[in-house]
Protein backbone atom coordinates (compact mmCIF):
# COMPACT_ATOMS: atom_id res chain seq x y z
CA MET A 1 86.02 70.71 125.05
CA ASN A 2 87.02 74.28 125.52
CA GLY A 3 84.07 76.49 126.50
CA SER A 4 84.93 79.19 123.98
CA ALA A 5 84.58 76.85 121.00
CA GLU A 6 80.99 75.85 121.76
CA GLY A 7 79.48 78.96 120.19
CA TYR A 8 81.40 78.53 116.95
CA ILE A 9 80.49 74.87 116.66
CA GLU A 10 76.82 75.67 117.32
CA PHE A 11 76.89 78.42 114.69
CA PHE A 12 78.37 76.16 112.01
CA VAL A 13 76.02 73.29 112.87
CA TYR A 14 73.04 75.61 112.46
CA VAL A 15 74.40 76.99 109.18
CA ILE A 16 75.03 73.50 107.79
CA GLY A 17 71.63 72.27 108.98
CA MET A 18 69.76 75.22 107.51
CA GLY A 19 71.80 74.97 104.33
CA ILE A 20 70.90 71.31 103.86
CA VAL A 21 67.22 72.00 104.46
CA ILE A 22 67.20 74.95 102.04
CA PHE A 23 69.09 72.94 99.42
CA LEU A 24 66.79 69.90 99.66
CA LEU A 25 63.63 72.01 99.55
CA SER A 26 64.91 74.01 96.60
CA MET A 27 65.68 70.79 94.69
CA LEU A 28 61.93 70.10 94.72
CA LEU A 29 61.45 73.14 92.49
CA LYS A 30 62.53 72.00 89.06
CA GLU A 31 63.06 75.15 87.02
CA LYS A 32 63.22 77.91 89.63
CA ARG A 33 65.56 76.47 92.24
CA ILE A 34 67.06 79.84 93.12
CA ILE A 35 63.79 81.29 94.47
CA LEU A 36 63.86 79.57 97.88
CA PRO A 37 67.42 80.69 98.79
CA LEU A 38 66.54 84.24 97.72
CA ILE A 39 63.42 84.23 99.88
CA THR A 40 65.44 82.86 102.80
CA CYS A 41 68.03 85.58 102.27
CA LEU A 42 65.37 88.29 102.38
CA LEU A 43 63.77 86.78 105.50
CA SER A 44 67.13 86.63 107.22
CA PHE A 45 67.67 90.34 106.50
CA LEU A 46 64.26 90.94 108.07
CA PHE A 47 65.30 88.98 111.19
CA ILE A 48 68.54 90.92 111.45
CA LEU A 49 66.81 94.29 111.10
CA THR A 50 64.16 93.24 113.60
CA SER A 51 66.83 92.27 116.10
CA PHE A 52 68.34 95.77 115.96
CA PHE A 53 65.26 97.97 115.92
CA VAL A 54 62.28 96.22 117.51
CA THR A 55 63.64 94.49 120.60
CA ASP A 56 65.12 96.04 123.74
CA GLY A 57 68.59 95.41 125.06
CA TRP A 58 70.00 91.92 124.67
CA GLN A 59 66.68 90.33 123.68
CA GLY A 60 67.42 90.66 119.97
CA LEU A 61 70.59 88.60 120.13
CA GLY A 62 68.71 85.36 119.41
CA LEU A 63 67.05 86.84 116.34
CA LEU A 64 70.42 88.14 115.18
CA PHE A 65 71.93 84.67 115.58
CA ILE A 66 69.13 82.99 113.62
CA GLY A 67 69.23 85.70 110.94
CA ALA A 68 73.00 85.42 110.53
CA CYS A 69 72.83 81.62 110.27
CA ALA A 70 70.03 81.77 107.70
CA LEU A 71 71.81 84.50 105.73
CA LEU A 72 75.06 82.56 105.52
CA ALA A 73 73.24 79.33 104.63
CA SER A 74 71.22 81.00 101.87
CA ILE A 75 74.28 82.76 100.41
CA LEU A 76 76.17 79.47 100.36
CA ASN A 77 73.22 77.80 98.62
CA ILE A 78 73.02 80.58 96.03
CA LEU A 79 76.73 80.20 95.30
CA LEU A 80 76.40 76.40 95.15
CA MET A 81 73.51 76.54 92.71
CA ALA A 82 75.19 79.16 90.54
CA GLY A 83 78.36 77.09 90.46
CA THR A 84 76.58 73.88 89.51
CA THR A 85 74.61 75.69 86.79
CA TRP A 86 77.81 77.20 85.40
CA TYR A 87 79.58 73.84 85.52
CA LYS A 88 76.72 72.08 83.72
CA SER A 89 76.54 74.74 81.01
CA LYS A 90 80.32 74.61 80.53
CA ASN A 91 80.24 70.83 80.07
CA GLU A 92 77.30 70.97 77.64
CA LYS A 93 79.18 73.38 75.35
CA GLU A 94 82.14 71.04 75.03
């Protein structure tokens, strides 16, 4: 495999893995499923800000990577849950 593609594959594997974990844990909450992705989104913003301001030099790059993966996974989960809720409400009206 080409060496330049390893970082992209790792990024998408982490995003998919975190997304599945967030989705499965949020399905345990019956009525307020959107709370866990919102909390994850806020925590990922905290990781990203911490990576810029608290650490020195290149040390914050790992926190930025984790924060970006968690942010993308939580945004995808929010969109997925909003879409399924919209689809269910559209089918119930018909």
